[in-house]
């Protein structure tokens, strides 16, 4: 089985949150994020953590982490639109995991 690499410095949650199936995690997965420059993506810790969450199947947590980046990007413009699209992909994969294909 393929084990994706870890890019960020934050640890992954104990288990993925799947609404209706697993207990909700404590704390906020995203946390506050300052405005950021898209050129900083290779070293932007909140982005790297969101990538780690996505790659390891933590779709709800990834959605939450990306949402903080989206808000910090001002919710408009190319970087915000990319992040918004990734939020939708993570939400779709979470819905597939929940057997809600129509919502995905």
PDB file of N, CA and C in Angstrom:
ATOM      1  N   UNK A   1       0.841  -1.184   0.000  1.00  0.00           N
ATOM      2  CA  UNK A   1       0.000   0.000   0.000  1.00  0.00           C
ATOM      3  C   UNK A   1       0.882   1.243   0.000  1.00  0.00           C
ATOM      4  N   UNK A   2       0.488   2.231  -0.775  1.00  0.00           N
ATOM      5  CA  UNK A   2       1.239   3.472  -0.887  1.00  0.00           C
ATOM      6  C   UNK A   2       0.978   4.355   0.320  1.00  0.00           C
ATOM      7  N   UNK A   3       2.037   4.832   0.950  1.00  0.00           N
ATOM      8  CA  UNK A   3       1.921   5.756   2.071  1.00  0.00           C
ATOM      9  C   UNK A   3       2.466   7.100   1.609  1.00  0.00           C
ATOM     10  N   UNK A   4       1.572   8.080   1.348  1.00  0.00           N
ATOM     11  CA  UNK A   4       2.031   9.377   0.837  1.00  0.00           C
ATOM     12  C   UNK A   4       3.007  10.061   1.794  1.00  0.00           C
ATOM     13  N   UNK A   5       3.910  10.859   1.247  1.00  0.00           N
ATOM     14  CA  UNK A   5       4.843  11.597   2.113  1.00  0.00           C
ATOM     15  C   UNK A   5       4.115  12.681   2.905  1.00  0.00           C
ATOM     16  N   UNK A   6       4.771  13.152   3.935  1.00  0.00           N
ATOM     17  CA  UNK A   6       4.270  14.269   4.740  1.00  0.00           C
ATOM     18  C   UNK A   6       5.091  15.493   4.349  1.00  0.00           C
ATOM     19  N   UNK A   7       4.407  16.563   3.956  1.00  0.00           N
ATOM     20  CA  UNK A   7       5.086  17.784   3.529  1.00  0.00           C
ATOM     21  C   UNK A   7       5.146  18.843   4.626  1.00  0.00           C
ATOM     22  N   UNK A   8       4.131  18.906   5.456  1.00  0.00           N
ATOM     23  CA  UNK A   8       4.082  19.928   6.489  1.00  0.00           C
ATOM     24  C   UNK A   8       4.655  19.445   7.805  1.00  0.00           C
ATOM     25  N   UNK A   9       4.662  20.338   8.784  1.00  0.00           N
ATOM     26  CA  UNK A   9       5.213  19.998  10.092  1.00  0.00           C
ATOM     27  C   UNK A   9       4.138  19.604  11.097  1.00  0.00           C
ATOM     28  N   UNK A  10       2.873  19.795  10.759  1.00  0.00           N
ATOM     29  CA  UNK A  10       1.797  19.457  11.686  1.00  0.00           C
ATOM     30  C   UNK A  10       1.473  17.966  11.596  1.00  0.00           C
ATOM     31  N   UNK A  11       1.125  17.393  12.720  1.00  0.00           N
ATOM     32  CA  UNK A  11       0.773  15.977  12.723  1.00  0.00           C
ATOM     33  C   UNK A  11      -0.650  15.793  12.199  1.00  0.00           C
ATOM     34  N   UNK A  12      -0.905  14.592  11.730  1.00  0.00           N
ATOM     35  CA  UNK A  12      -2.231  14.251  11.226  1.00  0.00           C
ATOM     36  C   UNK A  12      -3.129  13.851  12.395  1.00  0.00           C
ATOM     37  N   UNK A  13      -4.437  14.013  12.233  1.00  0.00           N
ATOM     38  CA  UNK A  13      -5.356  13.597  13.294  1.00  0.00           C
ATOM     39  C   UNK A  13      -5.286  12.083  13.533  1.00  0.00           C
ATOM     40  N   UNK A  14      -5.837  11.685  14.656  1.00  0.00           N
ATOM     41  CA  UNK A  14      -5.864  10.266  15.022  1.00  0.00           C
ATOM     42  C   UNK A  14      -6.674   9.450  14.011  1.00  0.00           C
ATOM     43  N   UNK A  15      -7.787  10.001  13.572  1.00  0.00           N
ATOM     44  CA  UNK A  15      -8.644   9.325  12.598  1.00  0.00           C
ATOM     45  C   UNK A  15      -9.436  10.371  11.833  1.00  0.00           C
ATOM     46  N   UNK A  16      -9.877  10.039  10.620  1.00  0.00           N
ATOM     47  CA  UNK A  16     -10.681  11.001   9.862  1.00  0.00           C
ATOM     48  C   UNK A  16     -12.071  11.149  10.477  1.00  0.00           C
ATOM     49  N   UNK A  17     -12.585  12.360  10.435  1.00  0.00           N
ATOM     50  CA  UNK A  17     -13.963  12.591  10.872  1.00  0.00           C
ATOM     51  C   UNK A  17     -14.876  12.308   9.691  1.00  0.00           C
ATOM     52  N   UNK A  18     -15.807  11.401   9.900  1.00  0.00           N
ATOM     53  CA  UNK A  18     -16.823  11.098   8.903  1.00  0.00           C
ATOM     54  C   UNK A  18     -18.165  11.333   9.582  1.00  0.00           C
ATOM     55  N   UNK A  19     -18.859  12.420   9.224  1.00  0.00           N
ATOM     56  CA  UNK A  19     -20.123  12.736   9.902  1.00  0.00           C
ATOM     57  C   UNK A  19     -21.073  11.541   9.915  1.00  0.00           C
ATOM     58  N   UNK A  20     -21.607  11.291  11.084  1.00  0.00           N
ATOM     59  CA  UNK A  20     -22.534  10.177  11.259  1.00  0.00           C
ATOM     60  C   UNK A  20     -21.863   8.839  11.505  1.00  0.00           C
ATOM     61  N   UNK A  21     -20.525   8.783  11.399  1.00  0.00           N
ATOM     62  CA  UNK A  21     -19.821   7.507  11.578  1.00  0.00           C
ATOM     63  C   UNK A  21     -18.731   7.555  12.640  1.00  0.00           C
ATOM     64  N   UNK A  22     -18.008   8.660  12.716  1.00  0.00           N
ATOM     65  CA  UNK A  22     -16.922   8.753  13.691  1.00  0.00           C
ATOM     66  C   UNK A  22     -17.137   9.983  14.562  1.00  0.00           C
ATOM     67  N   UNK A  23     -16.464   9.989  15.696  1.00  0.00           N
ATOM     68  CA  UNK A  23     -16.627  11.145  16.592  1.00  0.00           C
ATOM     69  C   UNK A  23     -15.936  12.369  16.010  1.00  0.00           C
ATOM     70  N   UNK A  24     -16.539  13.502  16.290  1.00  0.00           N
ATOM     71  CA  UNK A  24     -16.018  14.770  15.795  1.00  0.00           C
ATOM     72  C   UNK A  24     -14.737  15.122  16.552  1.00  0.00           C
ATOM     73  N   UNK A  25     -13.711  15.582  15.821  1.00  0.00           N
ATOM     74  CA  UNK A  25     -12.467  15.949  16.513  1.00  0.00           C
ATOM     75  C   UNK A  25     -12.632  17.221  17.326  1.00  0.00           C
ATOM     76  N   UNK A  26     -11.770  17.377  18.309  1.00  0.00           N
ATOM     77  CA  UNK A  26     -11.768  18.603  19.103  1.00  0.00           C
ATOM     78  C   UNK A  26     -10.827  19.600  18.457  1.00  0.00           C
ATOM     79  N   UNK A  27     -11.060  20.853  18.722  1.00  0.00           N
ATOM     80  CA  UNK A  27     -10.203  21.901  18.168  1.00  0.00           C
ATOM     81  C   UNK A  27     -10.601  22.254  16.744  1.00  0.00           C
ATOM     82  N   UNK A  28      -9.922  23.226  16.203  1.00  0.00           N
ATOM     83  CA  UNK A  28     -10.165  23.681  14.847  1.00  0.00           C
ATOM     84  C   UNK A  28      -9.046  23.198  13.942  1.00  0.00           C
ATOM     85  N   UNK A  29      -9.371  22.413  12.898  1.00  0.00           N
ATOM     86  CA  UNK A  29      -8.309  21.898  12.038  1.00  0.00           C
ATOM     87  C   UNK A  29      -7.610  22.960  11.212  1.00  0.00           C
ATOM     88  N   UNK A  30      -8.297  24.047  10.903  1.00  0.00           N
ATOM     89  CA  UNK A  30      -7.689  25.063  10.065  1.00  0.00           C
ATOM     90  C   UNK A  30      -6.862  26.053  10.849  1.00  0.00           C
ATOM     91  N   UNK A  31      -7.461  26.640  11.854  1.00  0.00           N
ATOM     92  CA  UNK A  31      -6.778  27.663  12.624  1.00  0.00           C
ATOM     93  C   UNK A  31      -6.675  28.953  11.830  1.00  0.00           C
ATOM     94  N   UNK A  32      -6.275  30.029  12.479  1.00  0.00           N
ATOM     95  CA  UNK A  32      -6.184  31.310  11.771  1.00  0.00           C
ATOM     96  C   UNK A  32      -5.021  31.323  10.778  1.00  0.00           C
ATOM     97  N   UNK A  33      -5.246  32.003   9.677  1.00  0.00           N
ATOM     98  CA  UNK A  33      -4.222  32.134   8.649  1.00  0.00           C
ATOM     99  C   UNK A  33      -4.158  33.602   8.234  1.00  0.00           C
ATOM    100  N   UNK A  34      -2.964  34.110   8.168  1.00  0.00           N
ATOM    101  CA  UNK A  34      -2.756  35.482   7.709  1.00  0.00           C
ATOM    102  C   UNK A  34      -2.871  35.530   6.183  1.00  0.00           C
ATOM    103  N   UNK A  35      -3.142  36.703   5.618  1.00  0.00           N
ATOM    104  CA  UNK A  35      -3.105  36.800   4.157  1.00  0.00           C
ATOM    105  C   UNK A  35      -1.782  36.252   3.631  1.00  0.00           C
ATOM    106  N   UNK A  36      -1.836  35.611   2.482  1.00  0.00           N
ATOM    107  CA  UNK A  36      -0.666  34.918   1.953  1.00  0.00           C
ATOM    108  C   UNK A  36      -0.499  35.217   0.475  1.00  0.00           C
ATOM    109  N   UNK A  37       0.717  34.996   0.026  1.00  0.00           N
ATOM    110  CA  UNK A  37       1.078  35.209  -1.374  1.00  0.00           C
ATOM    111  C   UNK A  37       1.144  33.841  -2.051  1.00  0.00           C
ATOM    112  N   UNK A  38       0.451  33.647  -3.175  1.00  0.00           N
ATOM    113  CA  UNK A  38       0.500  32.349  -3.858  1.00  0.00           C
ATOM    114  C   UNK A  38       1.911  31.879  -4.187  1.00  0.00           C
ATOM    115  N   UNK A  39       2.848  32.783  -4.331  1.00  0.00           N
ATOM    116  CA  UNK A  39       4.237  32.385  -4.606  1.00  0.00           C
ATOM    117  C   UNK A  39       4.851  31.619  -3.433  1.00  0.00           C
ATOM    118  N   UNK A  40       4.246  31.740  -2.250  1.00  0.00           N
ATOM    119  CA  UNK A  40       4.767  31.074  -1.052  1.00  0.00           C
ATOM    120  C   UNK A  40       4.243  29.652  -0.867  1.00  0.00           C
ATOM    121  N   UNK A  41       3.452  29.137  -1.801  1.00  0.00           N
ATOM    122  CA  UNK A  41       2.842  27.824  -1.640  1.00  0.00           C
ATOM    123  C   UNK A  41       3.841  26.727  -1.269  1.00  0.00           C
ATOM    124  N   UNK A  42       5.030  26.674  -1.843  1.00  0.00           N
ATOM    125  CA  UNK A  42       5.937  25.559  -1.506  1.00  0.00           C
ATOM    126  C   UNK A  42       6.348  25.502  -0.038  1.00  0.00           C
ATOM    127  N   UNK A  43       6.237  26.625   0.680  1.00  0.00           N
ATOM    128  CA  UNK A  43       6.656  26.652   2.083  1.00  0.00           C
ATOM    129  C   UNK A  43       5.536  27.112   3.027  1.00  0.00           C
ATOM    130  N   UNK A  44       4.350  27.325   2.520  1.00  0.00           N
ATOM    131  CA  UNK A  44       3.225  27.826   3.323  1.00  0.00           C
ATOM    132  C   UNK A  44       2.652  26.682   4.163  1.00  0.00           C
ATOM    133  N   UNK A  45       2.922  26.711   5.452  1.00  0.00           N
ATOM    134  CA  UNK A  45       2.559  25.609   6.335  1.00  0.00           C
ATOM    135  C   UNK A  45       1.073  25.247   6.291  1.00  0.00           C
ATOM    136  N   UNK A  46       0.135  26.199   6.334  1.00  0.00           N
ATOM    137  CA  UNK A  46      -1.277  25.799   6.261  1.00  0.00           C
ATOM    138  C   UNK A  46      -1.614  25.060   4.951  1.00  0.00           C
ATOM    139  N   UNK A  47      -0.978  25.470   3.868  1.00  0.00           N
ATOM    140  CA  UNK A  47      -1.191  24.789   2.589  1.00  0.00           C
ATOM    141  C   UNK A  47      -0.606  23.374   2.634  1.00  0.00           C
ATOM    142  N   UNK A  48       0.618  23.246   3.134  1.00  0.00           N
ATOM    143  CA  UNK A  48       1.267  21.938   3.213  1.00  0.00           C
ATOM    144  C   UNK A  48       0.468  20.977   4.096  1.00  0.00           C
ATOM    145  N   UNK A  49      -0.082  21.502   5.174  1.00  0.00           N
ATOM    146  CA  UNK A  49      -0.899  20.662   6.056  1.00  0.00           C
ATOM    147  C   UNK A  49      -2.176  20.228   5.343  1.00  0.00           C
ATOM    148  N   UNK A  50      -2.800  21.128   4.617  1.00  0.00           N
ATOM    149  CA  UNK A  50      -4.010  20.768   3.864  1.00  0.00           C
ATOM    150  C   UNK A  50      -3.703  19.685   2.833  1.00  0.00           C
ATOM    151  N   UNK A  51      -2.559  19.786   2.164  1.00  0.00           N
ATOM    152  CA  UNK A  51      -2.140  18.758   1.205  1.00  0.00           C
ATOM    153  C   UNK A  51      -1.952  17.423   1.922  1.00  0.00           C
ATOM    154  N   UNK A  52      -1.309  17.445   3.078  1.00  0.00           N
ATOM    155  CA  UNK A  52      -1.118  16.212   3.846  1.00  0.00           C
ATOM    156  C   UNK A  52      -2.465  15.604   4.231  1.00  0.00           C
ATOM    157  N   UNK A  53      -3.370  16.432   4.704  1.00  0.00           N
ATOM    158  CA  UNK A  53      -4.693  15.936   5.085  1.00  0.00           C
ATOM    159  C   UNK A  53      -5.395  15.285   3.889  1.00  0.00           C
ATOM    160  N   UNK A  54      -5.365  15.960   2.757  1.00  0.00           N
ATOM    161  CA  UNK A  54      -6.006  15.427   1.549  1.00  0.00           C
ATOM    162  C   UNK A  54      -5.368  14.105   1.140  1.00  0.00           C
ATOM    163  N   UNK A  55      -4.052  14.090   1.036  1.00  0.00           N
ATOM    164  CA  UNK A  55      -3.342  12.901   0.564  1.00  0.00           C
ATOM    165  C   UNK A  55      -3.536  11.685   1.465  1.00  0.00           C
ATOM    166  N   UNK A  56      -3.835  11.926   2.737  1.00  0.00           N
ATOM    167  CA  UNK A  56      -3.999  10.830   3.685  1.00  0.00           C
ATOM    168  C   UNK A  56      -5.472  10.532   3.980  1.00  0.00           C
ATOM    169  N   UNK A  57      -6.384  11.124   3.201  1.00  0.00           N
ATOM    170  CA  UNK A  57      -7.800  10.788   3.316  1.00  0.00           C
ATOM    171  C   UNK A  57      -8.565  11.480   4.415  1.00  0.00           C
ATOM    172  N   UNK A  58      -8.034  12.566   4.936  1.00  0.00           N
ATOM    173  CA  UNK A  58      -8.732  13.351   5.955  1.00  0.00           C
ATOM    174  C   UNK A  58      -9.509  14.468   5.250  1.00  0.00           C
ATOM    175  N   UNK A  59     -10.579  14.089   4.567  1.00  0.00           N
ATOM    176  CA  UNK A  59     -11.266  15.030   3.680  1.00  0.00           C
ATOM    177  C   UNK A  59     -12.024  16.119   4.428  1.00  0.00           C
ATOM    178  N   UNK A  60     -12.662  15.791   5.545  1.00  0.00           N
ATOM    179  CA  UNK A  60     -13.361  16.834   6.303  1.00  0.00           C
ATOM    180  C   UNK A  60     -12.341  17.819   6.861  1.00  0.00           C
ATOM    181  N   UNK A  61     -11.270  17.296   7.416  1.00  0.00           N
ATOM    182  CA  UNK A  61     -10.231  18.146   7.994  1.00  0.00           C
ATOM    183  C   UNK A  61      -9.563  19.001   6.918  1.00  0.00           C
ATOM    184  N   UNK A  62      -9.347  18.420   5.748  1.00  0.00           N
ATOM    185  CA  UNK A  62      -8.764  19.164   4.633  1.00  0.00           C
ATOM    186  C   UNK A  62      -9.687  20.303   4.219  1.00  0.00           C
ATOM    187  N   UNK A  63     -10.976  20.000   4.117  1.00  0.00           N
ATOM    188  CA  UNK A  63     -11.970  21.026   3.765  1.00  0.00           C
ATOM    189  C   UNK A  63     -11.885  22.193   4.734  1.00  0.00           C
ATOM    190  N   UNK A  64     -11.819  21.903   6.014  1.00  0.00           N
ATOM    191  CA  UNK A  64     -11.742  22.954   7.032  1.00  0.00           C
ATOM    192  C   UNK A  64     -10.445  23.757   6.921  1.00  0.00           C
ATOM    193  N   UNK A  65      -9.332  23.060   6.724  1.00  0.00           N
ATOM    194  CA  UNK A  65      -8.039  23.738   6.610  1.00  0.00           C
ATOM    195  C   UNK A  65      -7.997  24.630   5.369  1.00  0.00           C
ATOM    196  N   UNK A  66      -8.520  24.130   4.261  1.00  0.00           N
ATOM    197  CA  UNK A  66      -8.538  24.927   3.031  1.00  0.00           C
ATOM    198  C   UNK A  66      -9.464  26.131   3.151  1.00  0.00           C
ATOM    199  N   UNK A  67     -10.535  25.966   3.897  1.00  0.00           N
ATOM    200  CA  UNK A  67     -11.465  27.089   4.053  1.00  0.00           C
ATOM    201  C   UNK A  67     -10.787  28.276   4.724  1.00  0.00           C
ATOM    202  N   UNK A  68      -9.889  28.021   5.677  1.00  0.00           N
ATOM    203  CA  UNK A  68      -9.179  29.133   6.312  1.00  0.00           C
ATOM    204  C   UNK A  68      -8.257  29.828   5.309  1.00  0.00           C
ATOM    205  N   UNK A  69      -7.632  29.038   4.418  1.00  0.00           N
ATOM    206  CA  UNK A  69      -6.795  29.637   3.365  1.00  0.00           C
ATOM    207  C   UNK A  69      -7.638  30.455   2.399  1.00  0.00           C
ATOM    208  N   UNK A  70      -8.803  29.950   2.069  1.00  0.00           N
ATOM    209  CA  UNK A  70      -9.711  30.645   1.150  1.00  0.00           C
ATOM    210  C   UNK A  70     -10.118  32.003   1.728  1.00  0.00           C
ATOM    211  N   UNK A  71     -10.487  32.010   3.012  1.00  0.00           N
ATOM    212  CA  UNK A  71     -10.849  33.281   3.658  1.00  0.00           C
ATOM    213  C   UNK A  71      -9.654  34.231   3.692  1.00  0.00           C
ATOM    214  N   UNK A  72      -8.472  33.715   4.004  1.00  0.00           N
ATOM    215  CA  UNK A  72      -7.278  34.560   4.066  1.00  0.00           C
ATOM    216  C   UNK A  72      -6.903  35.100   2.684  1.00  0.00           C
ATOM    217  N   UNK A  73      -7.324  34.402   1.630  1.00  0.00           N
ATOM    218  CA  UNK A  73      -7.053  34.875   0.263  1.00  0.00           C
ATOM    219  C   UNK A  73      -8.079  35.905  -0.194  1.00  0.00           C
ATOM    220  N   UNK A  74      -9.021  36.226   0.665  1.00  0.00           N
ATOM    221  CA  UNK A  74     -10.023  37.227   0.324  1.00  0.00           C
ATOM    222  C   UNK A  74     -11.204  36.678  -0.453  1.00  0.00           C
ATOM    223  N   UNK A  75     -11.287  35.372  -0.622  1.00  0.00           N
ATOM    224  CA  UNK A  75     -12.396  34.681  -1.293  1.00  0.00           C
ATOM    225  C   UNK A  75     -12.605  35.105  -2.735  1.00  0.00           C
ATOM    226  N   UNK A  76     -11.646  35.811  -3.312  1.00  0.00           N
ATOM    227  CA  UNK A  76     -11.728  36.237  -4.720  1.00  0.00           C
ATOM    228  C   UNK A  76     -10.340  36.170  -5.341  1.00  0.00           C
ATOM    229  N   UNK A  77     -10.312  36.002  -6.648  1.00  0.00           N
ATOM    230  CA  UNK A  77      -9.049  35.973  -7.366  1.00  0.00           C
ATOM    231  C   UNK A  77      -8.611  34.547  -7.659  1.00  0.00           C
ATOM    232  N   UNK A  78      -7.594  34.411  -8.491  1.00  0.00           N
ATOM    233  CA  UNK A  78      -7.162  33.084  -8.932  1.00  0.00           C
ATOM    234  C   UNK A  78      -6.766  32.128  -7.799  1.00  0.00           C
ATOM    235  N   UNK A  79      -6.010  32.599  -6.820  1.00  0.00           N
ATOM    236  CA  UNK A  79      -5.590  31.709  -5.727  1.00  0.00           C
ATOM    237  C   UNK A  79      -6.798  31.255  -4.916  1.00  0.00           C
ATOM    238  N   UNK A  80      -7.696  32.182  -4.603  1.00  0.00           N
ATOM    239  CA  UNK A  80      -8.899  31.836  -3.840  1.00  0.00           C
ATOM    240  C   UNK A  80      -9.784  30.872  -4.625  1.00  0.00           C
ATOM    241  N   UNK A  81      -9.867  31.059  -5.931  1.00  0.00           N
ATOM    242  CA  UNK A  81     -10.699  30.170  -6.748  1.00  0.00           C
ATOM    243  C   UNK A  81     -10.114  28.762  -6.802  1.00  0.00           C
ATOM    244  N   UNK A  82      -8.784  28.649  -6.860  1.00  0.00           N
ATOM    245  CA  UNK A  82      -8.155  27.335  -6.817  1.00  0.00           C
ATOM    246  C   UNK A  82      -8.456  26.650  -5.491  1.00  0.00           C
ATOM    247  N   UNK A  83      -8.283  27.370  -4.395  1.00  0.00           N
ATOM    248  CA  UNK A  83      -8.543  26.801  -3.077  1.00  0.00           C
ATOM    249  C   UNK A  83     -10.015  26.419  -2.953  1.00  0.00           C
ATOM    250  N   UNK A  84     -10.915  27.247  -3.459  1.00  0.00           N
ATOM    251  CA  UNK A  84     -12.339  26.940  -3.402  1.00  0.00           C
ATOM    252  C   UNK A  84     -12.652  25.650  -4.174  1.00  0.00           C
ATOM    253  N   UNK A  85     -12.017  25.473  -5.322  1.00  0.00           N
ATOM    254  CA  UNK A  85     -12.210  24.245  -6.082  1.00  0.00           C
ATOM    255  C   UNK A  85     -11.729  23.024  -5.318  1.00  0.00           C
ATOM    256  N   UNK A  86     -10.599  23.146  -4.633  1.00  0.00           N
ATOM    257  CA  UNK A  86     -10.088  22.037  -3.836  1.00  0.00           C
ATOM    258  C   UNK A  86     -10.986  21.737  -2.637  1.00  0.00           C
ATOM    259  N   UNK A  87     -11.586  22.776  -2.082  1.00  0.00           N
ATOM    260  CA  UNK A  87     -12.571  22.580  -1.004  1.00  0.00           C
ATOM    261  C   UNK A  87     -13.708  21.720  -1.522  1.00  0.00           C
ATOM    262  N   UNK A  88     -14.178  22.009  -2.727  1.00  0.00           N
ATOM    263  CA  UNK A  88     -15.281  21.244  -3.307  1.00  0.00           C
ATOM    264  C   UNK A  88     -14.875  19.803  -3.594  1.00  0.00           C
ATOM    265  N   UNK A  89     -13.640  19.594  -4.040  1.00  0.00           N
ATOM    266  CA  UNK A  89     -13.163  18.229  -4.287  1.00  0.00           C
ATOM    267  C   UNK A  89     -13.122  17.447  -2.967  1.00  0.00           C
ATOM    268  N   UNK A  90     -12.586  18.062  -1.918  1.00  0.00           N
ATOM    269  CA  UNK A  90     -12.517  17.388  -0.618  1.00  0.00           C
ATOM    270  C   UNK A  90     -13.921  17.064  -0.106  1.00  0.00           C
ATOM    271  N   UNK A  91     -14.848  18.002  -0.263  1.00  0.00           N
ATOM    272  CA  UNK A  91     -16.230  17.758   0.171  1.00  0.00           C
ATOM    273  C   UNK A  91     -16.860  16.630  -0.650  1.00  0.00           C
ATOM    274  N   UNK A  92     -16.584  16.609  -1.943  1.00  0.00           N
ATOM    275  CA  UNK A  92     -17.114  15.538  -2.786  1.00  0.00           C
ATOM    276  C   UNK A  92     -16.581  14.177  -2.378  1.00  0.00           C
ATOM    277  N   UNK A  93     -15.277  14.092  -2.095  1.00  0.00           N
ATOM    278  CA  UNK A  93     -14.696  12.819  -1.668  1.00  0.00           C
ATOM    279  C   UNK A  93     -15.239  12.385  -0.306  1.00  0.00           C
ATOM    280  N   UNK A  94     -15.476  13.339   0.577  1.00  0.00           N
ATOM    281  CA  UNK A  94     -16.081  13.011   1.864  1.00  0.00           C
ATOM    282  C   UNK A  94     -17.482  12.453   1.650  1.00  0.00           C
ATOM    283  N   UNK A  95     -18.245  13.062   0.755  1.00  0.00           N
ATOM    284  CA  UNK A  95     -19.595  12.563   0.481  1.00  0.00           C
ATOM    285  C   UNK A  95     -19.562  11.170  -0.140  1.00  0.00           C
ATOM    286  N   UNK A  96     -18.603  10.894  -1.001  1.00  0.00           N
ATOM    287  CA  UNK A  96     -18.472   9.536  -1.543  1.00  0.00           C
ATOM    288  C   UNK A  96     -18.175   8.539  -0.433  1.00  0.00           C
ATOM    289  N   UNK A  97     -17.299   8.912   0.487  1.00  0.00           N
ATOM    290  CA  UNK A  97     -16.964   8.041   1.611  1.00  0.00           C
ATOM    291  C   UNK A  97     -18.192   7.780   2.484  1.00  0.00           C
ATOM    292  N   UNK A  98     -19.092   8.760   2.540  1.00  0.00           N
ATOM    293  CA  UNK A  98     -20.314   8.619   3.329  1.00  0.00           C
ATOM    294  C   UNK A  98     -21.434   7.922   2.550  1.00  0.00           C
ATOM    295  N   UNK A  99     -21.115   7.457   1.342  1.00  0.00           N
ATOM    296  CA  UNK A  99     -22.087   6.803   0.459  1.00  0.00           C
ATOM    297  C   UNK A  99     -23.208   7.764   0.040  1.00  0.00           C
ATOM    298  N   UNK A 100     -22.860   9.028  -0.139  1.00  0.00           N
ATOM    299  CA  UNK A 100     -23.792  10.040  -0.637  1.00  0.00           C
ATOM    300  C   UNK A 100     -23.344  10.470  -2.026  1.00  0.00           C
ATOM    301  N   UNK A 101     -23.445   9.562  -2.976  1.00  0.00           N
ATOM    302  CA  UNK A 101     -22.953   9.819  -4.332  1.00  0.00           C
ATOM    303  C   UNK A 101     -23.637  11.011  -4.969  1.00  0.00           C
ATOM    304  N   UNK A 102     -24.928  11.185  -4.745  1.00  0.00           N
ATOM    305  CA  UNK A 102     -25.646  12.307  -5.349  1.00  0.00           C
ATOM    306  C   UNK A 102     -25.100  13.635  -4.849  1.00  0.00           C
ATOM    307  N   UNK A 103     -24.726  13.708  -3.588  1.00  0.00           N
ATOM    308  CA  UNK A 103     -24.177  14.950  -3.029  1.00  0.00           C
ATOM    309  C   UNK A 103     -22.755  15.184  -3.529  1.00  0.00           C
ATOM    310  N   UNK A 104     -22.053  14.096  -3.841  1.00  0.00           N
ATOM    311  CA  UNK A 104     -20.683  14.223  -4.326  1.00  0.00           C
ATOM    312  C   UNK A 104     -20.688  14.841  -5.702  1.00  0.00           C
TER     313      UNK A 104
END
